[in-house]
PDB file of N, CA and C in Angstrom:
ATOM      1  N   UNK A   1     101.021  86.970  94.782  1.00  0.00           N
ATOM      2  CA  UNK A   1      99.971  87.770  95.386  1.00  0.00           C
ATOM      3  C   UNK A   1     100.523  88.666  96.494  1.00  0.00           C
ATOM      4  N   UNK A   2     101.574  88.248  97.171  1.00  0.00           N
ATOM      5  CA  UNK A   2     102.177  89.039  98.233  1.00  0.00           C
ATOM      6  C   UNK A   2     102.726  90.359  97.728  1.00  0.00           C
ATOM      7  N   UNK A   3     103.314  90.366  96.509  1.00  0.00           N
ATOM      8  CA  UNK A   3     103.860  91.595  95.937  1.00  0.00           C
ATOM      9  C   UNK A   3     102.762  92.628  95.675  1.00  0.00           C
ATOM     10  N   UNK A   4     101.616  92.176  95.177  1.00  0.00           N
ATOM     11  CA  UNK A   4     100.504  93.086  94.891  1.00  0.00           C
ATOM     12  C   UNK A   4     100.019  93.743  96.182  1.00  0.00           C
ATOM     13  N   UNK A   5      99.880  92.960  97.239  1.00  0.00           N
ATOM     14  CA  UNK A   5      99.436  93.499  98.522  1.00  0.00           C
ATOM     15  C   UNK A   5     100.445  94.516  99.047  1.00  0.00           C
ATOM     16  N   UNK A   6     101.754  94.218  98.913  1.00  0.00           N
ATOM     17  CA  UNK A   6     102.782  95.158  99.338  1.00  0.00           C
ATOM     18  C   UNK A   6     102.689  96.466  98.567  1.00  0.00           C
ATOM     19  N   UNK A   7     102.404  96.390  97.266  1.00  0.00           N
ATOM     20  CA  UNK A   7     102.257  97.593  96.447  1.00  0.00           C
ATOM     21  C   UNK A   7     101.035  98.393  96.881  1.00  0.00           C
ATOM     22  N   UNK A   8      99.930  97.705  97.211  1.00  0.00           N
ATOM     23  CA  UNK A   8      98.725  98.392  97.652  1.00  0.00           C
ATOM     24  C   UNK A   8      98.970  99.108  98.978  1.00  0.00           C
ATOM     25  N   UNK A   9      99.674  98.458  99.878  1.00  0.00           N
ATOM     26  CA  UNK A   9      99.993  99.075 101.166  1.00  0.00           C
ATOM     27  C   UNK A   9     100.880 100.293 100.950  1.00  0.00           C
ATOM     28  N   UNK A  10     101.871 100.181 100.072  1.00  0.00           N
ATOM     29  CA  UNK A  10     102.761 101.304  99.793  1.00  0.00           C
ATOM     30  C   UNK A  10     101.985 102.453  99.167  1.00  0.00           C
ATOM     31  N   UNK A  11     101.093 102.155  98.212  1.00  0.00           N
ATOM     32  CA  UNK A  11     100.276 103.196  97.589  1.00  0.00           C
ATOM     33  C   UNK A  11      99.417 103.903  98.635  1.00  0.00           C
ATOM     34  N   UNK A  12      98.831 103.129  99.562  1.00  0.00           N
ATOM     35  CA  UNK A  12      98.005 103.707 100.630  1.00  0.00           C
ATOM     36  C   UNK A  12      98.853 104.609 101.521  1.00  0.00           C
ATOM     37  N   UNK A  13     100.044 104.153 101.885  1.00  0.00           N
ATOM     38  CA  UNK A  13     100.940 104.955 102.726  1.00  0.00           C
ATOM     39  C   UNK A  13     101.357 106.231 102.018  1.00  0.00           C
ATOM     40  N   UNK A  14     101.635 106.151 100.701  1.00  0.00           N
ATOM     41  CA  UNK A  14     101.985 107.343  99.927  1.00  0.00           C
ATOM     42  C   UNK A  14     100.815 108.324  99.908  1.00  0.00           C
ATOM     43  N   UNK A  15      99.594 107.820  99.743  1.00  0.00           N
ATOM     44  CA  UNK A  15      98.405 108.659  99.737  1.00  0.00           C
ATOM     45  C   UNK A  15      98.264 109.384 101.072  1.00  0.00           C
ATOM     46  N   UNK A  16      98.413 108.643 102.162  1.00  0.00           N
ATOM     47  CA  UNK A  16      98.291 109.258 103.480  1.00  0.00           C
ATOM     48  C   UNK A  16      99.355 110.324 103.690  1.00  0.00           C
ATOM     49  N   UNK A  17     100.549 110.080 103.206  1.00  0.00           N
ATOM     50  CA  UNK A  17     101.629 111.053 103.344  1.00  0.00           C
ATOM     51  C   UNK A  17     101.291 112.332 102.574  1.00  0.00           C
ATOM     52  N   UNK A  18     100.685 112.199 101.397  1.00  0.00           N
ATOM     53  CA  UNK A  18     100.282 113.366 100.607  1.00  0.00           C
ATOM     54  C   UNK A  18      99.238 114.210 101.329  1.00  0.00           C
ATOM     55  N   UNK A  19      98.457 113.590 102.188  1.00  0.00           N
ATOM     56  CA  UNK A  19      97.351 114.287 102.850  1.00  0.00           C
ATOM     57  C   UNK A  19      97.546 114.424 104.360  1.00  0.00           C
ATOM     58  N   UNK A  20      98.782 114.311 104.831  1.00  0.00           N
ATOM     59  CA  UNK A  20      99.014 114.359 106.278  1.00  0.00           C
ATOM     60  C   UNK A  20      98.663 115.709 106.898  1.00  0.00           C
ATOM     61  N   UNK A  21      98.573 116.762 106.096  1.00  0.00           N
ATOM     62  CA  UNK A  21      98.201 118.074 106.623  1.00  0.00           C
ATOM     63  C   UNK A  21      96.690 118.282 106.676  1.00  0.00           C
ATOM     64  N   UNK A  22      95.935 117.333 106.151  1.00  0.00           N
ATOM     65  CA  UNK A  22      94.475 117.444 106.208  1.00  0.00           C
ATOM     66  C   UNK A  22      94.023 117.390 107.667  1.00  0.00           C
ATOM     67  N   UNK A  23      93.110 118.262 108.027  1.00  0.00           N
ATOM     68  CA  UNK A  23      92.577 118.258 109.391  1.00  0.00           C
ATOM     69  C   UNK A  23      91.483 117.210 109.499  1.00  0.00           C
ATOM     70  N   UNK A  24      91.486 116.477 110.605  1.00  0.00           N
ATOM     71  CA  UNK A  24      90.515 115.411 110.818  1.00  0.00           C
ATOM     72  C   UNK A  24      89.471 115.847 111.839  1.00  0.00           C
ATOM     73  N   UNK A  25      88.272 115.326 111.692  1.00  0.00           N
ATOM     74  CA  UNK A  25      87.180 115.608 112.629  1.00  0.00           C
ATOM     75  C   UNK A  25      87.210 114.541 113.723  1.00  0.00           C
ATOM     76  N   UNK A  26      87.573 114.954 114.918  1.00  0.00           N
ATOM     77  CA  UNK A  26      87.682 114.015 116.040  1.00  0.00           C
ATOM     78  C   UNK A  26      86.365 113.295 116.299  1.00  0.00           C
ATOM     79  N   UNK A  27      86.460 111.986 116.469  1.00  0.00           N
ATOM     80  CA  UNK A  27      85.284 111.191 116.810  1.00  0.00           C
ATOM     81  C   UNK A  27      84.491 110.690 115.616  1.00  0.00           C
ATOM     82  N   UNK A  28      84.908 111.053 114.413  1.00  0.00           N
ATOM     83  CA  UNK A  28      84.163 110.651 113.228  1.00  0.00           C
ATOM     84  C   UNK A  28      84.985 109.760 112.298  1.00  0.00           C
ATOM     85  N   UNK A  29      85.904 109.006 112.863  1.00  0.00           N
ATOM     86  CA  UNK A  29      86.778 108.133 112.073  1.00  0.00           C
ATOM     87  C   UNK A  29      85.988 107.160 111.210  1.00  0.00           C
ATOM     88  N   UNK A  30      84.886 106.638 111.728  1.00  0.00           N
ATOM     89  CA  UNK A  30      84.076 105.671 110.972  1.00  0.00           C
ATOM     90  C   UNK A  30      83.372 106.301 109.769  1.00  0.00           C
ATOM     91  N   UNK A  31      83.293 107.620 109.724  1.00  0.00           N
ATOM     92  CA  UNK A  31      82.617 108.309 108.626  1.00  0.00           C
ATOM     93  C   UNK A  31      83.597 108.833 107.569  1.00  0.00           C
ATOM     94  N   UNK A  32      84.900 108.667 107.796  1.00  0.00           N
ATOM     95  CA  UNK A  32      85.912 109.132 106.840  1.00  0.00           C
ATOM     96  C   UNK A  32      85.845 108.274 105.588  1.00  0.00           C
ATOM     97  N   UNK A  33      85.648 108.926 104.427  1.00  0.00           N
ATOM     98  CA  UNK A  33      85.547 108.170 103.172  1.00  0.00           C
ATOM     99  C   UNK A  33      86.767 108.363 102.279  1.00  0.00           C
ATOM    100  N   UNK A  34      87.568 109.365 102.550  1.00  0.00           N
ATOM    101  CA  UNK A  34      88.754 109.568 101.730  1.00  0.00           C
ATOM    102  C   UNK A  34      89.332 110.955 101.907  1.00  0.00           C
ATOM    103  N   UNK A  35      90.165 111.318 100.945  1.00  0.00           N
ATOM    104  CA  UNK A  35      90.851 112.602 100.979  1.00  0.00           C
ATOM    105  C   UNK A  35      90.718 113.276  99.626  1.00  0.00           C
ATOM    106  N   UNK A  36      90.844 114.579  99.624  1.00  0.00           N
ATOM    107  CA  UNK A  36      90.789 115.336  98.384  1.00  0.00           C
ATOM    108  C   UNK A  36      91.552 116.632  98.550  1.00  0.00           C
ATOM    109  N   UNK A  37      91.315 117.542  97.626  1.00  0.00           N
ATOM    110  CA  UNK A  37      91.969 118.847  97.681  1.00  0.00           C
ATOM    111  C   UNK A  37      90.937 119.941  97.438  1.00  0.00           C
ATOM    112  N   UNK A  38      91.078 120.995  98.213  1.00  0.00           N
ATOM    113  CA  UNK A  38      90.317 122.223  97.989  1.00  0.00           C
ATOM    114  C   UNK A  38      91.368 123.227  97.561  1.00  0.00           C
ATOM    115  N   UNK A  39      91.352 123.571  96.281  1.00  0.00           N
ATOM    116  CA  UNK A  39      92.412 124.350  95.675  1.00  0.00           C
ATOM    117  C   UNK A  39      93.711 123.560  95.870  1.00  0.00           C
ATOM    118  N   UNK A  40      94.702 124.070  96.561  1.00  0.00           N
ATOM    119  CA  UNK A  40      95.939 123.310  96.776  1.00  0.00           C
ATOM    120  C   UNK A  40      96.016 122.708  98.169  1.00  0.00           C
ATOM    121  N   UNK A  41      94.951 122.783  98.930  1.00  0.00           N
ATOM    122  CA  UNK A  41      94.983 122.332 100.322  1.00  0.00           C
ATOM    123  C   UNK A  41      94.385 120.936 100.467  1.00  0.00           C
ATOM    124  N   UNK A  42      95.078 120.056 101.188  1.00  0.00           N
ATOM    125  CA  UNK A  42      94.542 118.708 101.411  1.00  0.00           C
ATOM    126  C   UNK A  42      93.376 118.754 102.396  1.00  0.00           C
ATOM    127  N   UNK A  43      92.339 117.971 102.116  1.00  0.00           N
ATOM    128  CA  UNK A  43      91.186 117.914 103.014  1.00  0.00           C
ATOM    129  C   UNK A  43      90.751 116.462 103.215  1.00  0.00           C
ATOM    130  N   UNK A  44      90.246 116.188 104.403  1.00  0.00           N
ATOM    131  CA  UNK A  44      89.615 114.899 104.684  1.00  0.00           C
ATOM    132  C   UNK A  44      88.155 115.015 104.251  1.00  0.00           C
ATOM    133  N   UNK A  45      87.606 113.934 103.707  1.00  0.00           N
ATOM    134  CA  UNK A  45      86.223 113.932 103.241  1.00  0.00           C
ATOM    135  C   UNK A  45      85.429 112.904 104.040  1.00  0.00           C
ATOM    136  N   UNK A  46      84.334 113.357 104.620  1.00  0.00           N
ATOM    137  CA  UNK A  46      83.490 112.522 105.466  1.00  0.00           C
ATOM    138  C   UNK A  46      82.107 112.371 104.855  1.00  0.00           C
ATOM    139  N   UNK A  47      81.470 111.247 105.138  1.00  0.00           N
ATOM    140  CA  UNK A  47      80.089 111.000 104.763  1.00  0.00           C
ATOM    141  C   UNK A  47      79.197 111.687 105.809  1.00  0.00           C
ATOM    142  N   UNK A  48      78.480 112.707 105.375  1.00  0.00           N
ATOM    143  CA  UNK A  48      77.625 113.501 106.266  1.00  0.00           C
ATOM    144  C   UNK A  48      76.630 112.632 107.031  1.00  0.00           C
ATOM    145  N   UNK A  49      75.923 111.747 106.312  1.00  0.00           N
ATOM    146  CA  UNK A  49      74.918 110.899 106.953  1.00  0.00           C
ATOM    147  C   UNK A  49      75.539 109.953 107.975  1.00  0.00           C
ATOM    148  N   UNK A  50      76.727 109.449 107.669  1.00  0.00           N
ATOM    149  CA  UNK A  50      77.417 108.557 108.610  1.00  0.00           C
ATOM    150  C   UNK A  50      77.829 109.336 109.864  1.00  0.00           C
ATOM    151  N   UNK A  51      78.225 110.598 109.700  1.00  0.00           N
ATOM    152  CA  UNK A  51      78.544 111.430 110.866  1.00  0.00           C
ATOM    153  C   UNK A  51      77.332 111.553 111.781  1.00  0.00           C
ATOM    154  N   UNK A  52      76.156 111.764 111.179  1.00  0.00           N
ATOM    155  CA  UNK A  52      74.936 111.853 111.985  1.00  0.00           C
ATOM    156  C   UNK A  52      74.649 110.537 112.692  1.00  0.00           C
ATOM    157  N   UNK A  53      74.844 109.409 111.988  1.00  0.00           N
ATOM    158  CA  UNK A  53      74.646 108.083 112.601  1.00  0.00           C
ATOM    159  C   UNK A  53      75.566 107.906 113.803  1.00  0.00           C
ATOM    160  N   UNK A  54      76.804 108.346 113.669  1.00  0.00           N
ATOM    161  CA  UNK A  54      77.759 108.248 114.779  1.00  0.00           C
ATOM    162  C   UNK A  54      77.224 108.998 115.989  1.00  0.00           C
ATOM    163  N   UNK A  55      76.714 110.203 115.778  1.00  0.00           N
ATOM    164  CA  UNK A  55      76.218 111.009 116.890  1.00  0.00           C
ATOM    165  C   UNK A  55      74.974 110.401 117.526  1.00  0.00           C
ATOM    166  N   UNK A  56      74.106 109.821 116.719  1.00  0.00           N
ATOM    167  CA  UNK A  56      72.904 109.178 117.250  1.00  0.00           C
ATOM    168  C   UNK A  56      73.301 107.975 118.105  1.00  0.00           C
ATOM    169  N   UNK A  57      74.198 107.144 117.580  1.00  0.00           N
ATOM    170  CA  UNK A  57      74.605 105.926 118.302  1.00  0.00           C
ATOM    171  C   UNK A  57      75.508 106.234 119.488  1.00  0.00           C
ATOM    172  N   UNK A  58      76.506 107.085 119.289  1.00  0.00           N
ATOM    173  CA  UNK A  58      77.498 107.361 120.329  1.00  0.00           C
ATOM    174  C   UNK A  58      76.960 108.267 121.424  1.00  0.00           C
ATOM    175  N   UNK A  59      76.214 109.302 121.023  1.00  0.00           N
ATOM    176  CA  UNK A  59      75.811 110.340 121.968  1.00  0.00           C
ATOM    177  C   UNK A  59      74.354 110.252 122.397  1.00  0.00           C
ATOM    178  N   UNK A  60      73.615 109.318 121.798  1.00  0.00           N
ATOM    179  CA  UNK A  60      72.217 109.143 122.174  1.00  0.00           C
ATOM    180  C   UNK A  60      71.308 110.268 121.721  1.00  0.00           C
ATOM    181  N   UNK A  61      71.709 110.991 120.687  1.00  0.00           N
ATOM    182  CA  UNK A  61      70.881 112.083 120.169  1.00  0.00           C
ATOM    183  C   UNK A  61      69.799 111.533 119.252  1.00  0.00           C
ATOM    184  N   UNK A  62      68.728 112.295 119.114  1.00  0.00           N
ATOM    185  CA  UNK A  62      67.760 111.986 118.072  1.00  0.00           C
ATOM    186  C   UNK A  62      68.387 112.447 116.756  1.00  0.00           C
ATOM    187  N   UNK A  63      67.786 112.041 115.638  1.00  0.00           N
ATOM    188  CA  UNK A  63      68.316 112.471 114.341  1.00  0.00           C
ATOM    189  C   UNK A  63      68.240 113.998 114.209  1.00  0.00           C
ATOM    190  N   UNK A  64      67.150 114.585 114.663  1.00  0.00           N
ATOM    191  CA  UNK A  64      66.989 116.041 114.581  1.00  0.00           C
ATOM    192  C   UNK A  64      68.039 116.762 115.423  1.00  0.00           C
ATOM    193  N   UNK A  65      68.293 116.252 116.645  1.00  0.00           N
ATOM    194  CA  UNK A  65      69.313 116.852 117.507  1.00  0.00           C
ATOM    195  C   UNK A  65      70.697 116.743 116.869  1.00  0.00           C
ATOM    196  N   UNK A  66      70.970 115.582 116.273  1.00  0.00           N
ATOM    197  CA  UNK A  66      72.262 115.370 115.631  1.00  0.00           C
ATOM    198  C   UNK A  66      72.458 116.337 114.466  1.00  0.00           C
ATOM    199  N   UNK A  67      71.427 116.524 113.654  1.00  0.00           N
ATOM    200  CA  UNK A  67      71.513 117.447 112.519  1.00  0.00           C
ATOM    201  C   UNK A  67      71.792 118.862 113.011  1.00  0.00           C
ATOM    202  N   UNK A  68      71.016 119.307 113.979  1.00  0.00           N
ATOM    203  CA  UNK A  68      71.185 120.673 114.491  1.00  0.00           C
ATOM    204  C   UNK A  68      72.578 120.879 115.082  1.00  0.00           C
ATOM    205  N   UNK A  69      73.013 119.944 115.930  1.00  0.00           N
ATOM    206  CA  UNK A  69      74.320 120.072 116.565  1.00  0.00           C
ATOM    207  C   UNK A  69      75.438 120.012 115.532  1.00  0.00           C
ATOM    208  N   UNK A  70      75.360 119.027 114.634  1.00  0.00           N
ATOM    209  CA  UNK A  70      76.411 118.832 113.649  1.00  0.00           C
ATOM    210  C   UNK A  70      76.526 120.027 112.716  1.00  0.00           C
ATOM    211  N   UNK A  71      75.417 120.476 112.170  1.00  0.00           N
ATOM    212  CA  UNK A  71      75.454 121.578 111.215  1.00  0.00           C
ATOM    213  C   UNK A  71      76.044 122.845 111.813  1.00  0.00           C
ATOM    214  N   UNK A  72      75.759 123.106 113.070  1.00  0.00           N
ATOM    215  CA  UNK A  72      76.266 124.324 113.701  1.00  0.00           C
ATOM    216  C   UNK A  72      77.695 124.163 114.210  1.00  0.00           C
ATOM    217  N   UNK A  73      77.990 123.049 114.888  1.00  0.00           N
ATOM    218  CA  UNK A  73      79.255 122.898 115.595  1.00  0.00           C
ATOM    219  C   UNK A  73      80.357 122.174 114.839  1.00  0.00           C
ATOM    220  N   UNK A  74      80.008 121.349 113.880  1.00  0.00           N
ATOM    221  CA  UNK A  74      81.020 120.554 113.170  1.00  0.00           C
ATOM    222  C   UNK A  74      81.085 120.984 111.706  1.00  0.00           C
ATOM    223  N   UNK A  75      80.026 120.744 110.979  1.00  0.00           N
ATOM    224  CA  UNK A  75      80.000 121.086 109.559  1.00  0.00           C
ATOM    225  C   UNK A  75      80.127 122.574 109.302  1.00  0.00           C
ATOM    226  N   UNK A  76      79.639 123.392 110.215  1.00  0.00           N
ATOM    227  CA  UNK A  76      79.687 124.837 110.049  1.00  0.00           C
ATOM    228  C   UNK A  76      80.934 125.496 110.595  1.00  0.00           C
ATOM    229  N   UNK A  77      81.851 124.695 111.126  1.00  0.00           N
ATOM    230  CA  UNK A  77      83.071 125.253 111.707  1.00  0.00           C
ATOM    231  C   UNK A  77      84.159 125.388 110.643  1.00  0.00           C
ATOM    232  N   UNK A  78      84.761 126.567 110.565  1.00  0.00           N
ATOM    233  CA  UNK A  78      85.901 126.776 109.674  1.00  0.00           C
ATOM    234  C   UNK A  78      87.155 126.769 110.538  1.00  0.00           C
ATOM    235  N   UNK A  79      88.064 125.850 110.245  1.00  0.00           N
ATOM    236  CA  UNK A  79      89.287 125.737 111.050  1.00  0.00           C
ATOM    237  C   UNK A  79      90.540 125.898 110.184  1.00  0.00           C
ATOM    238  N   UNK A  80      90.406 126.596 109.079  1.00  0.00           N
ATOM    239  CA  UNK A  80      91.549 126.855 108.210  1.00  0.00           C
ATOM    240  C   UNK A  80      91.354 126.254 106.831  1.00  0.00           C
ATOM    241  N   UNK A  81      92.395 126.421 106.001  1.00  0.00           N
ATOM    242  CA  UNK A  81      92.316 125.976 104.611  1.00  0.00           C
ATOM    243  C   UNK A  81      92.036 124.487 104.466  1.00  0.00           C
ATOM    244  N   UNK A  82      92.454 123.700 105.431  1.00  0.00           N
ATOM    245  CA  UNK A  82      92.272 122.243 105.357  1.00  0.00           C
ATOM    246  C   UNK A  82      91.085 121.749 106.159  1.00  0.00           C
ATOM    247  N   UNK A  83      90.094 122.634 106.353  1.00  0.00           N
ATOM    248  CA  UNK A  83      88.854 122.245 107.029  1.00  0.00           C
ATOM    249  C   UNK A  83      88.242 121.049 106.297  1.00  0.00           C
ATOM    250  N   UNK A  84      87.817 120.016 107.018  1.00  0.00           N
ATOM    251  CA  UNK A  84      87.221 118.842 106.371  1.00  0.00           C
ATOM    252  C   UNK A  84      85.984 119.180 105.535  1.00  0.00           C
ATOM    253  N   UNK A  85      85.710 118.304 104.581  1.00  0.00           N
ATOM    254  CA  UNK A  85      84.522 118.396 103.735  1.00  0.00           C
ATOM    255  C   UNK A  85      83.545 117.314 104.192  1.00  0.00           C
ATOM    256  N   UNK A  86      82.271 117.656 104.280  1.00  0.00           N
ATOM    257  CA  UNK A  86      81.244 116.705 104.665  1.00  0.00           C
ATOM    258  C   UNK A  86      80.332 116.492 103.473  1.00  0.00           C
ATOM    259  N   UNK A  87      80.471 115.347 102.862  1.00  0.00           N
ATOM    260  CA  UNK A  87      79.819 115.003 101.597  1.00  0.00           C
ATOM    261  C   UNK A  87      78.433 114.433 101.828  1.00  0.00           C
ATOM    262  N   UNK A  88      77.460 114.995 101.128  1.00  0.00           N
ATOM    263  CA  UNK A  88      76.097 114.459 101.151  1.00  0.00           C
ATOM    264  C   UNK A  88      75.933 113.630  99.877  1.00  0.00           C
ATOM    265  N   UNK A  89      75.842 112.324 100.050  1.00  0.00           N
ATOM    266  CA  UNK A  89      75.756 111.410  98.909  1.00  0.00           C
ATOM    267  C   UNK A  89      74.365 111.429  98.307  1.00  0.00           C
ATOM    268  N   UNK A  90      74.295 111.299  97.000  1.00  0.00           N
ATOM    269  CA  UNK A  90      73.004 111.229  96.312  1.00  0.00           C
ATOM    270  C   UNK A  90      72.397 109.845  96.497  1.00  0.00           C
ATOM    271  N   UNK A  91      71.109 109.802  96.600  1.00  0.00           N
ATOM    272  CA  UNK A  91      70.394 108.529  96.765  1.00  0.00           C
ATOM    273  C   UNK A  91      69.562 108.235  95.533  1.00  0.00           C
ATOM    274  N   UNK A  92      70.213 108.101  94.390  1.00  0.00           N
ATOM    275  CA  UNK A  92      69.497 107.812  93.127  1.00  0.00           C
ATOM    276  C   UNK A  92      69.192 106.341  93.006  1.00  0.00           C
TER     277      UNK A  92
END
């Protein structure tokens, strides 16, 4: 079982190395769900709703305030080809 865990750790480290140029959204580590690519550029992918939860809990905002602030200042910010993606999950 130790070998399998070592392989999983190595695979995770290789994945992180592939995406080390992805830009991260400061303060939203708990909302990071993974990494992807936009064309050939690595991007970090965040759960949009979790980002709002972080702002409500951390900053004491209402949900409406968090949406307004986030959409304008975080989700709406373009910081280059590796700008993070904020994923809105379906609730089926």
